[in-house]
Protein backbone atom coordinates (compact mmCIF):
# COMPACT_ATOMS: atom_id res chain seq x y z
CA UNK A 1 109.07 216.87 136.08
CA UNK A 2 105.62 217.33 138.28
CA UNK A 3 103.76 215.94 135.01
CA UNK A 4 105.62 213.05 134.67
CA UNK A 5 105.08 212.21 137.85
CA UNK A 6 101.73 212.40 137.92
CA UNK A 7 100.69 210.57 134.52
CA UNK A 8 102.99 207.62 135.98
CA UNK A 9 101.30 208.28 139.41
CA UNK A 10 97.55 207.58 136.92
CA UNK A 11 98.91 205.01 134.92
CA UNK A 12 99.49 203.04 137.90
CA UNK A 13 97.22 200.03 138.86
CA UNK A 14 96.82 198.86 142.30
CA UNK A 15 96.69 194.94 141.90
CA UNK A 16 95.66 193.04 144.66
CA UNK A 17 94.36 189.15 145.48
CA UNK A 18 90.66 191.03 145.14
CA UNK A 19 90.54 192.18 142.19
CA UNK A 20 89.44 189.51 140.36
CA UNK A 21 86.34 188.92 142.68
CA UNK A 22 85.57 192.34 142.73
CA UNK A 23 85.36 192.88 139.17
CA UNK A 24 85.30 191.14 136.32
CA UNK A 25 87.33 188.12 134.87
CA UNK A 26 90.41 189.96 132.89
CA UNK A 27 90.68 187.62 129.88
CA UNK A 28 90.56 188.01 126.45
CA UNK A 29 88.74 184.54 125.90
CA UNK A 30 85.78 183.86 128.47
CA UNK A 31 85.52 179.61 128.05
CA UNK A 32 81.76 178.43 129.55
CA UNK A 33 81.55 178.15 133.10
CA UNK A 34 78.53 177.39 135.54
CA UNK A 35 77.49 178.47 139.21
CA UNK A 36 78.84 175.37 141.18
CA UNK A 37 78.47 174.53 145.23
CA UNK A 38 81.10 172.69 146.75
CA UNK A 39 80.20 170.93 149.85
CA UNK A 40 83.44 169.84 152.29
CA UNK A 41 83.16 167.12 154.24
CA UNK A 42 82.18 168.99 157.32
CA UNK A 43 79.08 170.37 156.18
CA UNK A 44 80.68 173.95 154.68
CA UNK A 45 79.99 175.04 151.41
CA UNK A 46 81.82 177.53 148.86
CA UNK A 47 80.30 178.87 145.80
CA UNK A 48 82.97 178.04 142.34
CA UNK A 49 82.60 178.43 138.98
CA UNK A 50 82.90 174.75 137.31
CA UNK A 51 83.21 174.16 133.65
CA UNK A 52 81.20 171.69 133.22
CA UNK A 53 77.04 171.95 134.33
CA UNK A 54 77.05 170.89 138.22
CA UNK A 55 74.29 171.83 141.13
CA UNK A 56 76.58 170.54 143.88
CA UNK A 57 80.01 168.60 144.15
CA UNK A 58 80.81 166.91 147.50
CA UNK A 59 83.62 165.87 148.35
CA UNK A 60 84.53 163.12 150.06
CA UNK A 61 84.83 162.19 153.54
CA UNK A 62 87.80 160.94 155.39
CA UNK A 63 87.87 157.65 156.74
CA UNK A 64 91.00 157.79 159.02
CA UNK A 65 89.75 161.04 160.66
CA UNK A 66 86.47 159.04 162.26
CA UNK A 67 86.25 157.17 165.21
CA UNK A 68 86.19 153.37 165.14
CA UNK A 69 82.07 152.77 165.26
CA UNK A 70 81.29 155.69 163.28
CA UNK A 71 83.87 154.03 160.51
CA UNK A 72 82.21 150.65 160.77
CA UNK A 73 78.57 152.10 160.26
CA UNK A 74 79.94 154.89 157.12
CA UNK A 75 81.31 151.27 155.46
CA UNK A 76 78.03 149.02 156.35
CA UNK A 77 76.38 151.99 154.84
CA UNK A 78 77.98 151.93 151.37
CA UNK A 79 77.79 148.04 150.56
CA UNK A 80 74.73 147.19 148.71
CA UNK A 81 71.55 145.59 150.81
CA UNK A 82 70.47 142.37 150.34
CA UNK A 83 66.66 142.21 148.95
CA UNK A 84 64.24 140.80 150.61
CA UNK A 85 62.43 137.54 148.75
CA UNK A 86 58.89 137.06 149.50
CA UNK A 87 57.92 133.79 148.36
CA UNK A 88 54.29 133.95 148.07
CA UNK A 89 52.33 131.07 147.85
CA UNK A 90 49.15 130.53 145.64
CA UNK A 91 46.53 128.08 146.96
CA UNK A 92 45.41 127.03 143.63
CA UNK A 93 42.26 124.73 144.78
CA UNK A 94 40.04 125.71 142.04
CA UNK A 95 37.85 122.95 140.78
CA UNK A 96 36.50 123.69 136.95
CA UNK A 97 34.15 120.96 137.42
CA UNK A 98 32.00 122.78 139.83
CA UNK A 99 31.19 125.33 136.92
CA UNK A 100 29.89 122.77 134.79
CA UNK A 101 26.40 123.54 134.92
CA UNK A 102 26.91 127.10 134.36
CA UNK A 103 28.08 126.36 130.73
CA UNK A 104 25.55 125.92 128.41
CA UNK A 105 26.17 123.14 125.24
CA UNK A 106 25.28 124.20 122.22
CA UNK A 107 23.93 121.13 119.85
């Protein structure tokens, strides 16, 4: 009876929520995953495994938690900026007759 009790104690495995983090993933087929950093809106980061090769994933900011002035400034930053058109006027006062004396005529 003591042998049977000793064998059952050895066969049981202490599983917890931290076993996957401490050891390897217990899967028969491994899918390809890439190390990725997830950035929360408050600036905190988490290292995860992601199925696509991305370096950083930035989660969106909840605008309802911001103050009115911060919300307006964020919404203004999202809008496309207007392009400034520079009108460059070229003064064309070139006179070709002024340089006719430098051209040699072939006879």
